[in-house]
Amino acid sequence: QVQLVESGGGLVQPGGSLRLSCTASGSIFSITTMHWYRQAPGKEREFVATITSGGATNYQDSVKGRFTISRDNAKNTVYLQMNSLKPEDTAVYYCRQRLIWGKGTLVTVSS
């Protein structure tokens, strides 16, 4: 059973940066597309970014140019580098591999 564990969330001031990590158990990580989603208080979960096994990426428009998704297959880990953070980026961030979701990590952007 694949398990996903996110880390790296926290409190950051507007304009600051955070790097989230998601580590997956199992042997299929390198051949699967990985995704980041987020859910803000009172809102539905939304897509943030995706990276294929070949390294192709796609982003939600609101994070383009500020967030970067990457992966290290040797470590079974996908990252989300978040720069120029805004209060509206406050959310619980989740990673997903196929139908499996992690439990999330909270990002709070506030002064």
PDB file of N, CA and C in Angstrom:
ATOM      1  N   GLN A   1       0.843  -1.181   0.000  1.00  0.00           N
ATOM      2  CA  GLN A   1       0.000   0.000   0.000  1.00  0.00           C
ATOM      3  C   GLN A   1       0.886   1.242   0.000  1.00  0.00           C
ATOM      4  N   VAL A   2       0.690   2.074  -1.009  1.00  0.00           N
ATOM      5  CA  VAL A   2       1.458   3.314  -1.101  1.00  0.00           C
ATOM      6  C   VAL A   2       1.021   4.278  -0.016  1.00  0.00           C
ATOM      7  N   GLN A   3       1.974   4.928   0.607  1.00  0.00           N
ATOM      8  CA  GLN A   3       1.686   5.994   1.558  1.00  0.00           C
ATOM      9  C   GLN A   3       2.446   7.244   1.143  1.00  0.00           C
ATOM     10  N   LEU A   4       1.792   8.384   1.316  1.00  0.00           N
ATOM     11  CA  LEU A   4       2.391   9.670   0.988  1.00  0.00           C
ATOM     12  C   LEU A   4       2.463  10.511   2.257  1.00  0.00           C
ATOM     13  N   VAL A   5       3.619  11.092   2.520  1.00  0.00           N
ATOM     14  CA  VAL A   5       3.800  11.909   3.717  1.00  0.00           C
ATOM     15  C   VAL A   5       4.344  13.271   3.305  1.00  0.00           C
ATOM     16  N   GLU A   6       3.542  14.314   3.549  1.00  0.00           N
ATOM     17  CA  GLU A   6       3.952  15.675   3.252  1.00  0.00           C
ATOM     18  C   GLU A   6       4.645  16.296   4.455  1.00  0.00           C
ATOM     19  N   SER A   7       5.528  17.252   4.171  1.00  0.00           N
ATOM     20  CA  SER A   7       6.190  18.010   5.225  1.00  0.00           C
ATOM     21  C   SER A   7       6.627  19.356   4.673  1.00  0.00           C
ATOM     22  N   GLY A   8       7.022  20.243   5.575  1.00  0.00           N
ATOM     23  CA  GLY A   8       7.567  21.524   5.144  1.00  0.00           C
ATOM     24  C   GLY A   8       6.647  22.711   5.316  1.00  0.00           C
ATOM     25  N   GLY A   9       5.413  22.471   5.732  1.00  0.00           N
ATOM     26  CA  GLY A   9       4.499  23.582   5.938  1.00  0.00           C
ATOM     27  C   GLY A   9       4.871  24.407   7.157  1.00  0.00           C
ATOM     28  N   GLY A  10       4.201  25.532   7.308  1.00  0.00           N
ATOM     29  CA  GLY A  10       4.464  26.398   8.454  1.00  0.00           C
ATOM     30  C   GLY A  10       3.896  27.776   8.239  1.00  0.00           C
ATOM     31  N   LEU A  11       4.307  28.677   9.117  1.00  0.00           N
ATOM     32  CA  LEU A  11       3.872  30.076   9.052  1.00  0.00           C
ATOM     33  C   LEU A  11       4.953  30.895   8.363  1.00  0.00           C
ATOM     34  N   VAL A  12       4.564  31.675   7.382  1.00  0.00           N
ATOM     35  CA  VAL A  12       5.515  32.499   6.650  1.00  0.00           C
ATOM     36  C   VAL A  12       4.867  33.854   6.362  1.00  0.00           C
ATOM     37  N   GLN A  13       5.685  34.883   6.315  1.00  0.00           N
ATOM     38  CA  GLN A  13       5.166  36.219   6.008  1.00  0.00           C
ATOM     39  C   GLN A  13       4.908  36.369   4.510  1.00  0.00           C
ATOM     40  N   PRO A  14       4.005  37.251   4.138  1.00  0.00           N
ATOM     41  CA  PRO A  14       3.798  37.525   2.712  1.00  0.00           C
ATOM     42  C   PRO A  14       5.121  37.883   2.033  1.00  0.00           C
ATOM     43  N   GLY A  15       5.316  37.331   0.850  1.00  0.00           N
ATOM     44  CA  GLY A  15       6.562  37.527   0.123  1.00  0.00           C
ATOM     45  C   GLY A  15       7.621  36.495   0.430  1.00  0.00           C
ATOM     46  N   GLY A  16       7.378  35.680   1.434  1.00  0.00           N
ATOM     47  CA  GLY A  16       8.348  34.670   1.826  1.00  0.00           C
ATOM     48  C   GLY A  16       8.273  33.402   0.992  1.00  0.00           C
ATOM     49  N   SER A  17       9.086  32.432   1.383  1.00  0.00           N
ATOM     50  CA  SER A  17       9.188  31.179   0.638  1.00  0.00           C
ATOM     51  C   SER A  17       9.088  29.979   1.571  1.00  0.00           C
ATOM     52  N   LEU A  18       8.616  28.885   1.025  1.00  0.00           N
ATOM     53  CA  LEU A  18       8.609  27.590   1.701  1.00  0.00           C
ATOM     54  C   LEU A  18       8.847  26.522   0.642  1.00  0.00           C
ATOM     55  N   ARG A  19       9.426  25.405   1.083  1.00  0.00           N
ATOM     56  CA  ARG A  19       9.530  24.245   0.211  1.00  0.00           C
ATOM     57  C   ARG A  19       8.832  23.074   0.866  1.00  0.00           C
ATOM     58  N   LEU A  20       7.826  22.562   0.194  1.00  0.00           N
ATOM     59  CA  LEU A  20       7.109  21.388   0.668  1.00  0.00           C
ATOM     60  C   LEU A  20       7.726  20.134   0.057  1.00  0.00           C
ATOM     61  N   SER A  21       7.661  19.062   0.821  1.00  0.00           N
ATOM     62  CA  SER A  21       8.135  17.764   0.350  1.00  0.00           C
ATOM     63  C   SER A  21       7.028  16.738   0.515  1.00  0.00           C
ATOM     64  N   CYS A  22       7.028  15.772  -0.352  1.00  0.00           N
ATOM     65  CA  CYS A  22       6.093  14.644  -0.254  1.00  0.00           C
ATOM     66  C   CYS A  22       6.875  13.387  -0.597  1.00  0.00           C
ATOM     67  N   THR A  23       7.004  12.517   0.379  1.00  0.00           N
ATOM     68  CA  THR A  23       7.751  11.281   0.190  1.00  0.00           C
ATOM     69  C   THR A  23       6.792  10.110   0.098  1.00  0.00           C
ATOM     70  N   ALA A  24       7.014   9.282  -0.905  1.00  0.00           N
ATOM     71  CA  ALA A  24       6.134   8.150  -1.168  1.00  0.00           C
ATOM     72  C   ALA A  24       6.823   6.831  -0.868  1.00  0.00           C
ATOM     73  N   SER A  25       6.079   5.925  -0.284  1.00  0.00           N
ATOM     74  CA  SER A  25       6.570   4.560  -0.135  1.00  0.00           C
ATOM     75  C   SER A  25       6.244   3.801  -1.417  1.00  0.00           C
ATOM     76  N   GLY A  26       6.843   2.633  -1.615  1.00  0.00           N
ATOM     77  CA  GLY A  26       6.511   1.850  -2.794  1.00  0.00           C
ATOM     78  C   GLY A  26       7.522   2.021  -3.904  1.00  0.00           C
ATOM     79  N   SER A  27       7.465   1.142  -4.868  1.00  0.00           N
ATOM     80  CA  SER A  27       8.498   1.066  -5.897  1.00  0.00           C
ATOM     81  C   SER A  27       8.083   1.667  -7.220  1.00  0.00           C
ATOM     82  N   ILE A  28       6.887   2.253  -7.309  1.00  0.00           N
ATOM     83  CA  ILE A  28       6.425   2.742  -8.603  1.00  0.00           C
ATOM     84  C   ILE A  28       6.562   4.256  -8.740  1.00  0.00           C
ATOM     85  N   PHE A  29       7.170   4.902  -7.758  1.00  0.00           N
ATOM     86  CA  PHE A  29       7.209   6.361  -7.742  1.00  0.00           C
ATOM     87  C   PHE A  29       7.766   6.918  -9.035  1.00  0.00           C
ATOM     88  N   SER A  30       8.869   6.357  -9.518  1.00  0.00           N
ATOM     89  CA  SER A  30       9.571   6.960 -10.655  1.00  0.00           C
ATOM     90  C   SER A  30       8.764   6.919 -11.946  1.00  0.00           C
ATOM     91  N   ILE A  31       7.739   6.083 -12.009  1.00  0.00           N
ATOM     92  CA  ILE A  31       6.988   5.960 -13.254  1.00  0.00           C
ATOM     93  C   ILE A  31       5.598   6.580 -13.162  1.00  0.00           C
ATOM     94  N   THR A  32       5.326   7.263 -12.074  1.00  0.00           N
ATOM     95  CA  THR A  32       3.996   7.840 -11.915  1.00  0.00           C
ATOM     96  C   THR A  32       4.038   9.360 -11.874  1.00  0.00           C
ATOM     97  N   THR A  33       2.963   9.953 -12.367  1.00  0.00           N
ATOM     98  CA  THR A  33       2.773  11.393 -12.262  1.00  0.00           C
ATOM     99  C   THR A  33       2.409  11.744 -10.823  1.00  0.00           C
ATOM    100  N   MET A  34       2.957  12.828 -10.340  1.00  0.00           N
ATOM    101  CA  MET A  34       2.689  13.295  -8.983  1.00  0.00           C
ATOM    102  C   MET A  34       2.024  14.666  -9.036  1.00  0.00           C
ATOM    103  N   HIS A  35       1.174  14.916  -8.068  1.00  0.00           N
ATOM    104  CA  HIS A  35       0.376  16.136  -8.070  1.00  0.00           C
ATOM    105  C   HIS A  35       0.413  16.802  -6.703  1.00  0.00           C
ATOM    106  N   TRP A  36       0.302  18.120  -6.700  1.00  0.00           N
ATOM    107  CA  TRP A  36       0.035  18.897  -5.485  1.00  0.00           C
ATOM    108  C   TRP A  36      -1.333  19.560  -5.624  1.00  0.00           C
ATOM    109  N   TYR A  37      -2.099  19.502  -4.554  1.00  0.00           N
ATOM    110  CA  TYR A  37      -3.376  20.177  -4.442  1.00  0.00           C
ATOM    111  C   TYR A  37      -3.353  21.013  -3.170  1.00  0.00           C
ATOM    112  N   ARG A  38      -4.342  21.865  -3.005  1.00  0.00           N
ATOM    113  CA  ARG A  38      -4.484  22.606  -1.756  1.00  0.00           C
ATOM    114  C   ARG A  38      -5.951  22.853  -1.458  1.00  0.00           C
ATOM    115  N   GLN A  39      -6.224  23.037  -0.188  1.00  0.00           N
ATOM    116  CA  GLN A  39      -7.585  23.332   0.249  1.00  0.00           C
ATOM    117  C   GLN A  39      -7.536  24.443   1.281  1.00  0.00           C
ATOM    118  N   ALA A  40      -8.071  25.578   0.901  1.00  0.00           N
ATOM    119  CA  ALA A  40      -8.127  26.730   1.794  1.00  0.00           C
ATOM    120  C   ALA A  40      -9.343  26.591   2.700  1.00  0.00           C
ATOM    121  N   PRO A  41      -9.331  27.263   3.851  1.00  0.00           N
ATOM    122  CA  PRO A  41     -10.473  27.185   4.771  1.00  0.00           C
ATOM    123  C   PRO A  41     -11.770  27.572   4.078  1.00  0.00           C
ATOM    124  N   GLY A  42     -12.772  26.712   4.188  1.00  0.00           N
ATOM    125  CA  GLY A  42     -14.070  27.006   3.618  1.00  0.00           C
ATOM    126  C   GLY A  42     -14.177  26.847   2.125  1.00  0.00           C
ATOM    127  N   LYS A  43     -13.129  26.342   1.486  1.00  0.00           N
ATOM    128  CA  LYS A  43     -13.138  26.194   0.034  1.00  0.00           C
ATOM    129  C   LYS A  43     -12.905  24.743  -0.365  1.00  0.00           C
ATOM    130  N   GLU A  44     -13.185  24.444  -1.625  1.00  0.00           N
ATOM    131  CA  GLU A  44     -12.949  23.102  -2.134  1.00  0.00           C
ATOM    132  C   GLU A  44     -11.470  22.910  -2.454  1.00  0.00           C
ATOM    133  N   ARG A  45     -11.059  21.653  -2.447  1.00  0.00           N
ATOM    134  CA  ARG A  45      -9.686  21.325  -2.805  1.00  0.00           C
ATOM    135  C   ARG A  45      -9.459  21.670  -4.281  1.00  0.00           C
ATOM    136  N   GLU A  46      -8.283  22.238  -4.562  1.00  0.00           N
ATOM    137  CA  GLU A  46      -7.998  22.652  -5.931  1.00  0.00           C
ATOM    138  C   GLU A  46      -6.612  22.197  -6.359  1.00  0.00           C
ATOM    139  N   PHE A  47      -6.481  22.012  -7.658  1.00  0.00           N
ATOM    140  CA  PHE A  47      -5.219  21.611  -8.251  1.00  0.00           C
ATOM    141  C   PHE A  47      -4.198  22.737  -8.139  1.00  0.00           C
ATOM    142  N   VAL A  48      -2.949  22.378  -7.861  1.00  0.00           N
ATOM    143  CA  VAL A  48      -1.873  23.363  -7.807  1.00  0.00           C
ATOM    144  C   VAL A  48      -0.836  23.096  -8.898  1.00  0.00           C
ATOM    145  N   ALA A  49      -0.302  21.877  -8.924  1.00  0.00           N
ATOM    146  CA  ALA A  49       0.770  21.577  -9.876  1.00  0.00           C
ATOM    147  C   ALA A  49       0.879  20.082 -10.076  1.00  0.00           C
ATOM    148  N   THR A  50       1.456  19.707 -11.217  1.00  0.00           N
ATOM    149  CA  THR A  50       1.678  18.304 -11.509  1.00  0.00           C
ATOM    150  C   THR A  50       3.012  18.117 -12.213  1.00  0.00           C
ATOM    151  N   ILE A  51       3.610  16.962 -12.030  1.00  0.00           N
ATOM    152  CA  ILE A  51       4.850  16.624 -12.727  1.00  0.00           C
ATOM    153  C   ILE A  51       4.785  15.170 -13.172  1.00  0.00           C
ATOM    154  N   THR A  52       5.063  14.952 -14.447  1.00  0.00           N
ATOM    155  CA  THR A  52       5.009  13.589 -14.977  1.00  0.00           C
ATOM    156  C   THR A  52       6.298  12.847 -14.658  1.00  0.00           C
ATOM    157  N   SER A  53       6.317  11.572 -14.990  1.00  0.00           N
ATOM    158  CA  SER A  53       7.517  10.777 -14.769  1.00  0.00           C
ATOM    159  C   SER A  53       8.680  11.301 -15.607  1.00  0.00           C
ATOM    160  N   GLY A  54       8.354  11.932 -16.714  1.00  0.00           N
ATOM    161  CA  GLY A  54       9.395  12.482 -17.574  1.00  0.00           C
ATOM    162  C   GLY A  54       9.813  13.895 -17.232  1.00  0.00           C
ATOM    163  N   GLY A  55       9.160  14.468 -16.227  1.00  0.00           N
ATOM    164  CA  GLY A  55       9.540  15.797 -15.772  1.00  0.00           C
ATOM    165  C   GLY A  55       8.728  16.939 -16.346  1.00  0.00           C
ATOM    166  N   ALA A  56       7.729  16.626 -17.167  1.00  0.00           N
ATOM    167  CA  ALA A  56       6.872  17.702 -17.674  1.00  0.00           C
ATOM    168  C   ALA A  56       6.008  18.241 -16.545  1.00  0.00           C
ATOM    169  N   THR A  57       5.790  19.541 -16.534  1.00  0.00           N
ATOM    170  CA  THR A  57       5.069  20.173 -15.434  1.00  0.00           C
ATOM    171  C   THR A  57       3.884  20.979 -15.937  1.00  0.00           C
ATOM    172  N   ASN A  58       2.940  21.190 -15.019  1.00  0.00           N
ATOM    173  CA  ASN A  58       1.779  22.023 -15.310  1.00  0.00           C
ATOM    174  C   ASN A  58       1.358  22.683 -14.004  1.00  0.00           C
ATOM    175  N   TYR A  59       0.849  23.910 -14.094  1.00  0.00           N
ATOM    176  CA  TYR A  59       0.520  24.686 -12.901  1.00  0.00           C
ATOM    177  C   TYR A  59      -0.839  25.354 -13.032  1.00  0.00           C
ATOM    178  N   GLN A  60      -1.458  25.566 -11.883  1.00  0.00           N
ATOM    179  CA  GLN A  60      -2.613  26.438 -11.824  1.00  0.00           C
ATOM    180  C   GLN A  60      -2.143  27.852 -12.167  1.00  0.00           C
ATOM    181  N   ASP A  61      -2.982  28.592 -12.867  1.00  0.00           N
ATOM    182  CA  ASP A  61      -2.574  29.913 -13.323  1.00  0.00           C
ATOM    183  C   ASP A  61      -2.118  30.823 -12.188  1.00  0.00           C
ATOM    184  N   SER A  62      -2.766  30.746 -11.033  1.00  0.00           N
ATOM    185  CA  SER A  62      -2.476  31.685  -9.951  1.00  0.00           C
ATOM    186  C   SER A  62      -1.099  31.459  -9.328  1.00  0.00           C
ATOM    187  N   VAL A  63      -0.473  30.328  -9.600  1.00  0.00           N
ATOM    188  CA  VAL A  63       0.838  30.049  -8.990  1.00  0.00           C
ATOM    189  C   VAL A  63       1.966  30.048 -10.020  1.00  0.00           C
ATOM    190  N   LYS A  64       1.618  30.179 -11.291  1.00  0.00           N
ATOM    191  CA  LYS A  64       2.651  30.181 -12.330  1.00  0.00           C
ATOM    192  C   LYS A  64       3.648  31.305 -12.091  1.00  0.00           C
ATOM    193  N   GLY A  65       4.925  30.969 -12.210  1.00  0.00           N
ATOM    194  CA  GLY A  65       5.972  31.948 -11.990  1.00  0.00           C
ATOM    195  C   GLY A  65       6.368  32.105 -10.536  1.00  0.00           C
ATOM    196  N   ARG A  66       5.583  31.538  -9.623  1.00  0.00           N
ATOM    197  CA  ARG A  66       5.914  31.626  -8.184  1.00  0.00           C
ATOM    198  C   ARG A  66       6.231  30.263  -7.584  1.00  0.00           C
ATOM    199  N   PHE A  67       5.553  29.236  -8.057  1.00  0.00           N
ATOM    200  CA  PHE A  67       5.744  27.880  -7.525  1.00  0.00           C
ATOM    201  C   PHE A  67       6.473  27.022  -8.545  1.00  0.00           C
ATOM    202  N   THR A  68       7.294  26.111  -8.054  1.00  0.00           N
ATOM    203  CA  THR A  68       7.996  25.159  -8.919  1.00  0.00           C
ATOM    204  C   THR A  68       7.868  23.757  -8.346  1.00  0.00           C
ATOM    205  N   ILE A  69       7.375  22.852  -9.158  1.00  0.00           N
ATOM    206  CA  ILE A  69       7.293  21.455  -8.747  1.00  0.00           C
ATOM    207  C   ILE A  69       8.494  20.708  -9.322  1.00  0.00           C
ATOM    208  N   SER A  70       9.051  19.816  -8.524  1.00  0.00           N
ATOM    209  CA  SER A  70      10.185  19.016  -8.987  1.00  0.00           C
ATOM    210  C   SER A  70      10.131  17.664  -8.291  1.00  0.00           C
ATOM    211  N   ARG A  71      10.981  16.752  -8.751  1.00  0.00           N
ATOM    212  CA  ARG A  71      10.972  15.422  -8.151  1.00  0.00           C
ATOM    213  C   ARG A  71      12.384  14.861  -8.103  1.00  0.00           C
ATOM    214  N   ASP A  72      12.618  14.005  -7.098  1.00  0.00           N
ATOM    215  CA  ASP A  72      13.867  13.275  -6.965  1.00  0.00           C
ATOM    216  C   ASP A  72      13.485  11.807  -6.865  1.00  0.00           C
ATOM    217  N   ASN A  73      13.595  11.104  -7.981  1.00  0.00           N
ATOM    218  CA  ASN A  73      13.149   9.710  -7.999  1.00  0.00           C
ATOM    219  C   ASN A  73      13.999   8.822  -7.095  1.00  0.00           C
ATOM    220  N   ALA A  74      15.245   9.178  -6.899  1.00  0.00           N
ATOM    221  CA  ALA A  74      16.103   8.381  -6.019  1.00  0.00           C
ATOM    222  C   ALA A  74      15.634   8.445  -4.569  1.00  0.00           C
ATOM    223  N   LYS A  75      14.940   9.520  -4.235  1.00  0.00           N
ATOM    224  CA  LYS A  75      14.437   9.691  -2.872  1.00  0.00           C
ATOM    225  C   LYS A  75      12.928   9.488  -2.782  1.00  0.00           C
ATOM    226  N   ASN A  76      12.296   9.101  -3.895  1.00  0.00           N
ATOM    227  CA  ASN A  76      10.838   8.923  -3.917  1.00  0.00           C
ATOM    228  C   ASN A  76      10.123  10.165  -3.390  1.00  0.00           C
ATOM    229  N   THR A  77      10.611  11.332  -3.769  1.00  0.00           N
ATOM    230  CA  THR A  77      10.101  12.575  -3.199  1.00  0.00           C
ATOM    231  C   THR A  77       9.769  13.577  -4.300  1.00  0.00           C
ATOM    232  N   VAL A  78       8.645  14.248  -4.106  1.00  0.00           N
ATOM    233  CA  VAL A  78       8.268  15.369  -4.958  1.00  0.00           C
ATOM    234  C   VAL A  78       8.261  16.619  -4.094  1.00  0.00           C
ATOM    235  N   TYR A  79       8.686  17.728  -4.688  1.00  0.00           N
ATOM    236  CA  TYR A  79       8.811  18.988  -3.965  1.00  0.00           C
ATOM    237  C   TYR A  79       7.903  20.045  -4.575  1.00  0.00           C
ATOM    238  N   LEU A  80       7.559  21.016  -3.752  1.00  0.00           N
ATOM    239  CA  LEU A  80       6.878  22.204  -4.238  1.00  0.00           C
ATOM    240  C   LEU A  80       7.583  23.406  -3.630  1.00  0.00           C
ATOM    241  N   GLN A  81       8.380  24.091  -4.441  1.00  0.00           N
ATOM    242  CA  GLN A  81       9.030  25.315  -4.006  1.00  0.00           C
ATOM    243  C   GLN A  81       8.067  26.464  -4.217  1.00  0.00           C
ATOM    244  N   MET A  82       7.760  27.167  -3.150  1.00  0.00           N
ATOM    245  CA  MET A  82       6.781  28.247  -3.201  1.00  0.00           C
ATOM    246  C   MET A  82       7.469  29.555  -2.845  1.00  0.00           C
ATOM    247  N   ASN A  83       7.499  30.472  -3.779  1.00  0.00           N
ATOM    248  CA  ASN A  83       8.103  31.789  -3.572  1.00  0.00           C
ATOM    249  C   ASN A  83       7.043  32.874  -3.683  1.00  0.00           C
ATOM    250  N   SER A  84       7.394  34.051  -3.219  1.00  0.00           N
ATOM    251  CA  SER A  84       6.481  35.207  -3.287  1.00  0.00           C
ATOM    252  C   SER A  84       5.098  34.839  -2.770  1.00  0.00           C
ATOM    253  N   LEU A  85       5.074  34.230  -1.621  1.00  0.00           N
ATOM    254  CA  LEU A  85       3.804  33.741  -1.082  1.00  0.00           C
ATOM    255  C   LEU A  85       2.871  34.875  -0.724  1.00  0.00           C
ATOM    256  N   LYS A  86       1.578  34.613  -0.913  1.00  0.00           N
ATOM    257  CA  LYS A  86       0.531  35.589  -0.653  1.00  0.00           C
ATOM    258  C   LYS A  86      -0.428  35.016   0.393  1.00  0.00           C
ATOM    259  N   PRO A  87      -1.145  35.878   1.088  1.00  0.00           N
ATOM    260  CA  PRO A  87      -2.121  35.371   2.062  1.00  0.00           C
ATOM    261  C   PRO A  87      -3.109  34.388   1.445  1.00  0.00           C
ATOM    262  N   GLU A  88      -3.447  34.579   0.195  1.00  0.00           N
ATOM    263  CA  GLU A  88      -4.403  33.666  -0.448  1.00  0.00           C
ATOM    264  C   GLU A  88      -3.808  32.302  -0.772  1.00  0.00           C
ATOM    265  N   ASP A  89      -2.528  32.118  -0.536  1.00  0.00           N
ATOM    266  CA  ASP A  89      -1.919  30.795  -0.660  1.00  0.00           C
ATOM    267  C   ASP A  89      -2.108  29.964   0.608  1.00  0.00           C
ATOM    268  N   THR A  90      -2.654  30.578   1.648  1.00  0.00           N
ATOM    269  CA  THR A  90      -2.901  29.844   2.886  1.00  0.00           C
ATOM    270  C   THR A  90      -3.852  28.676   2.635  1.00  0.00           C
ATOM    271  N   ALA A  91      -3.415  27.485   3.008  1.00  0.00           N
ATOM    272  CA  ALA A  91      -4.202  26.283   2.746  1.00  0.00           C
ATOM    273  C   ALA A  91      -3.484  25.074   3.327  1.00  0.00           C
ATOM    274  N   VAL A  92      -4.193  23.973   3.375  1.00  0.00           N
ATOM    275  CA  VAL A  92      -3.554  22.684   3.592  1.00  0.00           C
ATOM    276  C   VAL A  92      -3.152  22.152   2.217  1.00  0.00           C
ATOM    277  N   TYR A  93      -1.885  21.787   2.088  1.00  0.00           N
ATOM    278  CA  TYR A  93      -1.356  21.308   0.818  1.00  0.00           C
ATOM    279  C   TYR A  93      -1.222  19.787   0.866  1.00  0.00           C
ATOM    280  N   TYR A  94      -1.732  19.163  -0.184  1.00  0.00           N
ATOM    281  CA  TYR A  94      -1.750  17.702  -0.271  1.00  0.00           C
ATOM    282  C   TYR A  94      -1.000  17.246  -1.513  1.00  0.00           C
ATOM    283  N   CYS A  95      -0.333  16.115  -1.422  1.00  0.00           N
ATOM    284  CA  CYS A  95       0.175  15.491  -2.644  1.00  0.00           C
ATOM    285  C   CYS A  95      -0.681  14.274  -2.970  1.00  0.00           C
ATOM    286  N   ARG A  96      -0.672  13.933  -4.244  1.00  0.00           N
ATOM    287  CA  ARG A  96      -1.474  12.804  -4.729  1.00  0.00           C
ATOM    288  C   ARG A  96      -0.667  11.985  -5.730  1.00  0.00           C
ATOM    289  N   GLN A  97      -0.768  10.696  -5.583  1.00  0.00           N
ATOM    290  CA  GLN A  97      -0.228   9.755  -6.557  1.00  0.00           C
ATOM    291  C   GLN A  97      -1.373   8.828  -6.943  1.00  0.00           C
ATOM    292  N   ARG A  98      -1.799   8.914  -8.176  1.00  0.00           N
ATOM    293  CA  ARG A  98      -2.958   8.162  -8.659  1.00  0.00           C
ATOM    294  C   ARG A  98      -4.136   8.426  -7.725  1.00  0.00           C
ATOM    295  N   LEU A  99      -4.646   7.438  -7.037  1.00  0.00           N
ATOM    296  CA  LEU A  99      -5.810   7.629  -6.162  1.00  0.00           C
ATOM    297  C   LEU A  99      -5.434   7.805  -4.701  1.00  0.00           C
ATOM    298  N   ILE A 100      -4.143   7.849  -4.423  1.00  0.00           N
ATOM    299  CA  ILE A 100      -3.668   7.941  -3.053  1.00  0.00           C
ATOM    300  C   ILE A 100      -3.351   9.391  -2.698  1.00  0.00           C
ATOM    301  N   TRP A 101      -3.839   9.819  -1.533  1.00  0.00           N
ATOM    302  CA  TRP A 101      -3.609  11.171  -1.036  1.00  0.00           C
ATOM    303  C   TRP A 101      -2.804  11.115   0.258  1.00  0.00           C
ATOM    304  N   GLY A 102      -1.957  12.105   0.461  1.00  0.00           N
ATOM    305  CA  GLY A 102      -1.346  12.285   1.757  1.00  0.00           C
ATOM    306  C   GLY A 102      -2.304  12.974   2.705  1.00  0.00           C
ATOM    307  N   LYS A 103      -1.846  13.189   3.940  1.00  0.00           N
ATOM    308  CA  LYS A 103      -2.705  13.811   4.948  1.00  0.00           C
ATOM    309  C   LYS A 103      -2.596  15.322   4.944  1.00  0.00           C
ATOM    310  N   GLY A 104      -1.626  15.851   4.234  1.00  0.00           N
ATOM    311  CA  GLY A 104      -1.523  17.286   4.074  1.00  0.00           C
ATOM    312  C   GLY A 104      -0.580  17.955   5.044  1.00  0.00           C
ATOM    313  N   THR A 105      -0.147  19.150   4.654  1.00  0.00           N
ATOM    314  CA  THR A 105       0.684  19.998   5.502  1.00  0.00           C
ATOM    315  C   THR A 105       0.155  21.412   5.385  1.00  0.00           C
ATOM    316  N   LEU A 106       0.036  22.089   6.531  1.00  0.00           N
ATOM    317  CA  LEU A 106      -0.596  23.403   6.572  1.00  0.00           C
ATOM    318  C   LEU A 106       0.417  24.502   6.254  1.00  0.00           C
ATOM    319  N   VAL A 107       0.034  25.362   5.330  1.00  0.00           N
ATOM    320  CA  VAL A 107       0.803  26.560   5.002  1.00  0.00           C
ATOM    321  C   VAL A 107      -0.036  27.774   5.369  1.00  0.00           C
ATOM    322  N   THR A 108       0.518  28.630   6.202  1.00  0.00           N
ATOM    323  CA  THR A 108      -0.168  29.855   6.607  1.00  0.00           C
ATOM    324  C   THR A 108       0.700  31.045   6.218  1.00  0.00           C
ATOM    325  N   VAL A 109       0.136  31.919   5.402  1.00  0.00           N
ATOM    326  CA  VAL A 109       0.851  33.121   4.967  1.00  0.00           C
ATOM    327  C   VAL A 109       0.198  34.319   5.636  1.00  0.00           C
ATOM    328  N   SER A 110       0.905  34.898   6.574  1.00  0.00           N
ATOM    329  CA  SER A 110       0.332  35.981   7.360  1.00  0.00           C
ATOM    330  C   SER A 110       1.435  36.816   7.986  1.00  0.00           C
ATOM    331  N   SER A 111       1.141  38.106   8.144  1.00  0.00           N
ATOM    332  CA  SER A 111       2.089  38.977   8.827  1.00  0.00           C
ATOM    333  C   SER A 111       1.742  39.094  10.307  1.00  0.00           C
TER     334      SER A 111
END
